[in-house]
Each structure stands twice: as C-alpha cells, then as structure tokens.
C-alpha cells in the first residue's frame, strides 16, 4: 500500500513539474519572439527614417526576424546558411525575386506597418504583428527621422 502511494505521489509531482516547465518554456519563447520582433520593428523604422521605400523596410524587418520566422520554405534542400543569402535577398528588386532567394514560414503571416509621420523631424513608428499556431506577438519601435534634413531642399 505504501509503495503504491509513493508511486502515485511521485507521478503527481512529476506531472506538476512538467506542467510548470512546459509553461515556462512557452513563456520564454513568447518573450524571445517579442524581443526579436521589437528589434525587427526597429530595423524597419530605421530603414524608413533614412529614406528607404516600403519594400526595403519590409525586407529589413523580415531579415531581422529570421530567428523567429519558423522553418525555411525556400530554398528547401540547400545547406547554405542565411549569412550568404541575406545580402542577396536585401538587394532584390521585387517580392517574387525576393521570395525566390529566401522565404520563411511566418513571413506571410506577419503584418508590417511603418508610418513616417509628418513635420520637419517626424517620428517613424513601426509595428509588426506575427501570428503562429502557438501565439500572437507584436513588436513596436519609434525612431526619429532626420532624412528630411538632407533629402529635401528646405528652402535655403
């Protein structure tokens, strides 16, 4: 009787510990994704702040979010690391060309919104929304834009 009781108590303890471990693991993955998405939003905001177009902002954000972008869809069987493909991806001219170089599972479920604001020195707001099967996360960044000072004639 005592042997069965000890086994039952051990089973309950192991289940509780595994539940706590699994919960902590999921929370750590969500926090890591949030941190990476904040960084990716900052890269998109910086690209807009220095005067790049929206496509370049999207490429900057996507390249920065590779650690949480899921499995690589293209190229499938290539052993080459992203280190060699990211510069070529960043130089691509349109979406079909870019997707032919590098593509990840969650890039298409990620919304990227970059607002350049108004005024002489506007603040660029960037926001990324990423949905996966496990969770939904948002990354945000604000960067002051100085490109109007050197890209446009200020009437001097």
C-alpha atoms as a PDB file:
ATOM      1  CA  UNK A   1       0.000   0.000   0.000  1.00  0.00           C
ATOM      2  CA  UNK A   2       2.791   2.459   0.889  1.00  0.00           C
ATOM      3  CA  UNK A   3       4.626   1.564  -2.323  1.00  0.00           C
ATOM      4  CA  UNK A   4       1.568   2.410  -4.434  1.00  0.00           C
ATOM      5  CA  UNK A   5       1.028   5.647  -2.518  1.00  0.00           C
ATOM      6  CA  UNK A   6       4.666   6.722  -3.065  1.00  0.00           C
ATOM      7  CA  UNK A   7       4.400   5.903  -6.765  1.00  0.00           C
ATOM      8  CA  UNK A   8       1.168   7.914  -7.053  1.00  0.00           C
ATOM      9  CA  UNK A   9       2.675  10.912  -5.237  1.00  0.00           C
ATOM     10  CA  UNK A  10       5.753  10.765  -7.466  1.00  0.00           C
ATOM     11  CA  UNK A  11       3.543  10.669 -10.566  1.00  0.00           C
ATOM     12  CA  UNK A  12       1.587  13.717  -9.400  1.00  0.00           C
ATOM     13  CA  UNK A  13       4.810  15.598  -8.560  1.00  0.00           C
ATOM     14  CA  UNK A  14       6.368  14.777 -11.950  1.00  0.00           C
ATOM     15  CA  UNK A  15       3.225  15.908 -13.783  1.00  0.00           C
ATOM     16  CA  UNK A  16       3.121  19.212 -11.893  1.00  0.00           C
ATOM     17  CA  UNK A  17       6.830  19.834 -12.510  1.00  0.00           C
ATOM     18  CA  UNK A  18       6.433  19.048 -16.228  1.00  0.00           C
ATOM     19  CA  UNK A  19       3.445  21.395 -16.448  1.00  0.00           C
ATOM     20  CA  UNK A  20       5.453  24.199 -14.832  1.00  0.00           C
ATOM     21  CA  UNK A  21       8.444  23.503 -17.101  1.00  0.00           C
ATOM     22  CA  UNK A  22       6.275  23.467 -20.243  1.00  0.00           C
ATOM     23  CA  UNK A  23       4.588  26.738 -19.231  1.00  0.00           C
ATOM     24  CA  UNK A  24       7.923  28.402 -18.505  1.00  0.00           C
ATOM     25  CA  UNK A  25       9.280  27.205 -21.848  1.00  0.00           C
ATOM     26  CA  UNK A  26       6.286  28.630 -23.761  1.00  0.00           C
ATOM     27  CA  UNK A  27       6.511  31.950 -21.928  1.00  0.00           C
ATOM     28  CA  UNK A  28      10.244  32.195 -22.655  1.00  0.00           C
ATOM     29  CA  UNK A  29       9.592  31.532 -26.362  1.00  0.00           C
ATOM     30  CA  UNK A  30       6.923  34.244 -26.428  1.00  0.00           C
ATOM     31  CA  UNK A  31       9.246  36.746 -24.716  1.00  0.00           C
ATOM     32  CA  UNK A  32      12.088  35.881 -27.088  1.00  0.00           C
ATOM     33  CA  UNK A  33       9.761  36.362 -30.077  1.00  0.00           C
ATOM     34  CA  UNK A  34       8.649  39.724 -28.700  1.00  0.00           C
ATOM     35  CA  UNK A  35      12.252  40.851 -28.266  1.00  0.00           C
ATOM     36  CA  UNK A  36      13.185  39.782 -31.800  1.00  0.00           C
ATOM     37  CA  UNK A  37      10.067  41.470 -33.230  1.00  0.00           C
ATOM     38  CA  UNK A  38      10.902  44.705 -31.377  1.00  0.00           C
ATOM     39  CA  UNK A  39      14.352  44.552 -32.980  1.00  0.00           C
ATOM     40  CA  UNK A  40      12.838  43.846 -36.412  1.00  0.00           C
ATOM     41  CA  UNK A  41      10.455  46.793 -35.992  1.00  0.00           C
ATOM     42  CA  UNK A  42      13.434  48.991 -35.106  1.00  0.00           C
ATOM     43  CA  UNK A  43      15.218  47.866 -38.293  1.00  0.00           C
ATOM     44  CA  UNK A  44      12.119  48.701 -40.381  1.00  0.00           C
ATOM     45  CA  UNK A  45      11.760  52.088 -38.661  1.00  0.00           C
ATOM     46  CA  UNK A  46      15.428  52.840 -39.237  1.00  0.00           C
ATOM     47  CA  UNK A  47      15.121  51.953 -42.916  1.00  0.00           C
ATOM     48  CA  UNK A  48      12.205  54.385 -43.234  1.00  0.00           C
ATOM     49  CA  UNK A  49      13.984  57.034 -41.153  1.00  0.00           C
ATOM     50  CA  UNK A  50      16.911  57.146 -43.574  1.00  0.00           C
ATOM     51  CA  UNK A  51      14.595  57.419 -46.583  1.00  0.00           C
ATOM     52  CA  UNK A  52      14.182  53.876 -47.927  1.00  0.00           C
ATOM     53  CA  UNK A  53      10.966  52.807 -49.635  1.00  0.00           C
ATOM     54  CA  UNK A  54       8.366  50.499 -48.074  1.00  0.00           C
ATOM     55  CA  UNK A  55       9.711  47.378 -49.815  1.00  0.00           C
ATOM     56  CA  UNK A  56      13.139  47.944 -48.297  1.00  0.00           C
ATOM     57  CA  UNK A  57      11.529  48.417 -44.863  1.00  0.00           C
ATOM     58  CA  UNK A  58       9.742  45.068 -45.240  1.00  0.00           C
ATOM     59  CA  UNK A  59      12.948  43.330 -46.316  1.00  0.00           C
ATOM     60  CA  UNK A  60      14.843  44.830 -43.358  1.00  0.00           C
ATOM     61  CA  UNK A  61      12.184  43.673 -40.903  1.00  0.00           C
ATOM     62  CA  UNK A  62      11.992  40.195 -42.419  1.00  0.00           C
ATOM     63  CA  UNK A  63      15.749  39.706 -42.338  1.00  0.00           C
ATOM     64  CA  UNK A  64      15.850  40.816 -38.697  1.00  0.00           C
ATOM     65  CA  UNK A  65      13.077  38.415 -37.672  1.00  0.00           C
ATOM     66  CA  UNK A  66      14.679  35.275 -39.150  1.00  0.00           C
ATOM     67  CA  UNK A  67      15.292  33.745 -35.667  1.00  0.00           C
ATOM     68  CA  UNK A  68      11.512  33.551 -35.036  1.00  0.00           C
ATOM     69  CA  UNK A  69      10.290  33.218 -38.628  1.00  0.00           C
ATOM     70  CA  UNK A  70       9.704  29.467 -38.457  1.00  0.00           C
ATOM     71  CA  UNK A  71      11.080  26.907 -40.847  1.00  0.00           C
ATOM     72  CA  UNK A  72      12.683  27.944 -44.103  1.00  0.00           C
ATOM     73  CA  UNK A  73      10.384  27.325 -47.069  1.00  0.00           C
ATOM     74  CA  UNK A  74      12.857  28.288 -49.776  1.00  0.00           C
ATOM     75  CA  UNK A  75      15.443  27.011 -50.513  1.00  0.00           C
ATOM     76  CA  UNK A  76      14.342  23.710 -49.036  1.00  0.00           C
ATOM     77  CA  UNK A  77      17.288  21.406 -49.538  1.00  0.00           C
ATOM     78  CA  UNK A  78      20.078  23.971 -49.659  1.00  0.00           C
ATOM     79  CA  UNK A  79      22.674  23.599 -46.928  1.00  0.00           C
ATOM     80  CA  UNK A  80      23.827  27.205 -47.368  1.00  0.00           C
ATOM     81  CA  UNK A  81      23.453  29.392 -44.328  1.00  0.00           C
ATOM     82  CA  UNK A  82      21.375  32.591 -44.311  1.00  0.00           C
ATOM     83  CA  UNK A  83      24.588  34.569 -43.958  1.00  0.00           C
ATOM     84  CA  UNK A  84      25.173  34.129 -47.686  1.00  0.00           C
ATOM     85  CA  UNK A  85      21.566  34.617 -48.776  1.00  0.00           C
ATOM     86  CA  UNK A  86      20.514  37.681 -46.736  1.00  0.00           C
ATOM     87  CA  UNK A  87      22.667  40.223 -48.650  1.00  0.00           C
ATOM     88  CA  UNK A  88      21.297  38.882 -51.952  1.00  0.00           C
ATOM     89  CA  UNK A  89      17.765  39.000 -50.502  1.00  0.00           C
ATOM     90  CA  UNK A  90      18.270  42.616 -49.405  1.00  0.00           C
ATOM     91  CA  UNK A  91      19.380  43.546 -52.942  1.00  0.00           C
ATOM     92  CA  UNK A  92      16.266  42.016 -54.567  1.00  0.00           C
ATOM     93  CA  UNK A  93      14.046  44.344 -56.571  1.00  0.00           C
ATOM     94  CA  UNK A  94      10.549  42.906 -56.024  1.00  0.00           C
ATOM     95  CA  UNK A  95       8.622  40.340 -53.980  1.00  0.00           C
ATOM     96  CA  UNK A  96       8.790  37.426 -56.471  1.00  0.00           C
ATOM     97  CA  UNK A  97      12.538  37.873 -56.831  1.00  0.00           C
ATOM     98  CA  UNK A  98      12.973  38.158 -53.050  1.00  0.00           C
ATOM     99  CA  UNK A  99      10.875  35.039 -52.380  1.00  0.00           C
ATOM    100  CA  UNK A 100      12.997  33.152 -54.910  1.00  0.00           C
ATOM    101  CA  UNK A 101      16.061  33.876 -52.795  1.00  0.00           C
ATOM    102  CA  UNK A 102      14.829  33.355 -49.246  1.00  0.00           C
ATOM    103  CA  UNK A 103      11.423  32.603 -47.730  1.00  0.00           C
ATOM    104  CA  UNK A 104      10.247  31.597 -44.252  1.00  0.00           C
ATOM    105  CA  UNK A 105       7.049  30.124 -42.857  1.00  0.00           C
ATOM    106  CA  UNK A 106       5.854  33.112 -40.807  1.00  0.00           C
ATOM    107  CA  UNK A 107       6.866  35.901 -43.173  1.00  0.00           C
ATOM    108  CA  UNK A 108       3.435  35.757 -44.816  1.00  0.00           C
ATOM    109  CA  UNK A 109       1.547  35.828 -41.508  1.00  0.00           C
ATOM    110  CA  UNK A 110       3.457  38.888 -40.319  1.00  0.00           C
ATOM    111  CA  UNK A 111       1.983  42.318 -40.846  1.00  0.00           C
ATOM    112  CA  UNK A 112       4.479  45.166 -41.098  1.00  0.00           C
ATOM    113  CA  UNK A 113       3.206  48.724 -40.712  1.00  0.00           C
ATOM    114  CA  UNK A 114       5.623  51.655 -40.976  1.00  0.00           C
ATOM    115  CA  UNK A 115       4.289  55.194 -40.542  1.00  0.00           C
ATOM    116  CA  UNK A 116       6.701  58.018 -41.275  1.00  0.00           C
ATOM    117  CA  UNK A 117       4.677  60.747 -39.574  1.00  0.00           C
ATOM    118  CA  UNK A 118       4.707  64.417 -40.533  1.00  0.00           C
ATOM    119  CA  UNK A 119       6.614  67.561 -39.721  1.00  0.00           C
ATOM    120  CA  UNK A 120      10.181  68.698 -40.098  1.00  0.00           C
ATOM    121  CA  UNK A 121      11.596  65.932 -37.927  1.00  0.00           C
ATOM    122  CA  UNK A 122       8.875  63.256 -37.803  1.00  0.00           C
ATOM    123  CA  UNK A 123       8.954  60.151 -35.676  1.00  0.00           C
ATOM    124  CA  UNK A 124       8.798  56.878 -37.601  1.00  0.00           C
ATOM    125  CA  UNK A 125       6.503  54.301 -35.974  1.00  0.00           C
ATOM    126  CA  UNK A 126       6.928  50.656 -36.937  1.00  0.00           C
ATOM    127  CA  UNK A 127       4.755  47.789 -35.789  1.00  0.00           C
ATOM    128  CA  UNK A 128       4.991  44.085 -36.585  1.00  0.00           C
ATOM    129  CA  UNK A 129       2.187  41.601 -35.916  1.00  0.00           C
ATOM    130  CA  UNK A 130       3.196  37.935 -36.107  1.00  0.00           C
ATOM    131  CA  UNK A 131       0.723  35.067 -35.821  1.00  0.00           C
ATOM    132  CA  UNK A 132       1.796  31.473 -35.361  1.00  0.00           C
ATOM    133  CA  UNK A 133      -0.033  28.344 -34.334  1.00  0.00           C
ATOM    134  CA  UNK A 134       1.235  28.814 -30.782  1.00  0.00           C
ATOM    135  CA  UNK A 135       0.899  32.540 -30.102  1.00  0.00           C
ATOM    136  CA  UNK A 136       0.445  36.031 -31.480  1.00  0.00           C
ATOM    137  CA  UNK A 137       3.081  38.683 -30.815  1.00  0.00           C
ATOM    138  CA  UNK A 138       3.602  42.362 -31.586  1.00  0.00           C
ATOM    139  CA  UNK A 139       6.872  44.261 -31.948  1.00  0.00           C
ATOM    140  CA  UNK A 140       6.998  48.065 -31.852  1.00  0.00           C
ATOM    141  CA  UNK A 141       9.651  50.726 -32.382  1.00  0.00           C
ATOM    142  CA  UNK A 142       9.848  54.511 -32.742  1.00  0.00           C
ATOM    143  CA  UNK A 143      12.791  56.306 -34.304  1.00  0.00           C
ATOM    144  CA  UNK A 144      13.173  59.985 -35.036  1.00  0.00           C
ATOM    145  CA  UNK A 145      13.589  60.615 -38.734  1.00  0.00           C
ATOM    146  CA  UNK A 146      16.297  63.007 -39.919  1.00  0.00           C
ATOM    147  CA  UNK A 147      16.210  62.269 -43.636  1.00  0.00           C
ATOM    148  CA  UNK A 148      14.084  65.356 -44.468  1.00  0.00           C
ATOM    149  CA  UNK A 149      17.092  67.484 -43.457  1.00  0.00           C
ATOM    150  CA  UNK A 150      19.300  66.066 -46.176  1.00  0.00           C
ATOM    151  CA  UNK A 151      16.875  64.574 -48.730  1.00  0.00           C
ATOM    152  CA  UNK A 152      14.727  67.612 -49.457  1.00  0.00           C
ATOM    153  CA  UNK A 153      15.507  71.252 -50.115  1.00  0.00           C
ATOM    154  CA  UNK A 154      14.386  73.188 -47.033  1.00  0.00           C
ATOM    155  CA  UNK A 155      14.239  76.490 -48.921  1.00  0.00           C
ATOM    156  CA  UNK A 156      17.785  77.598 -48.225  1.00  0.00           C
END
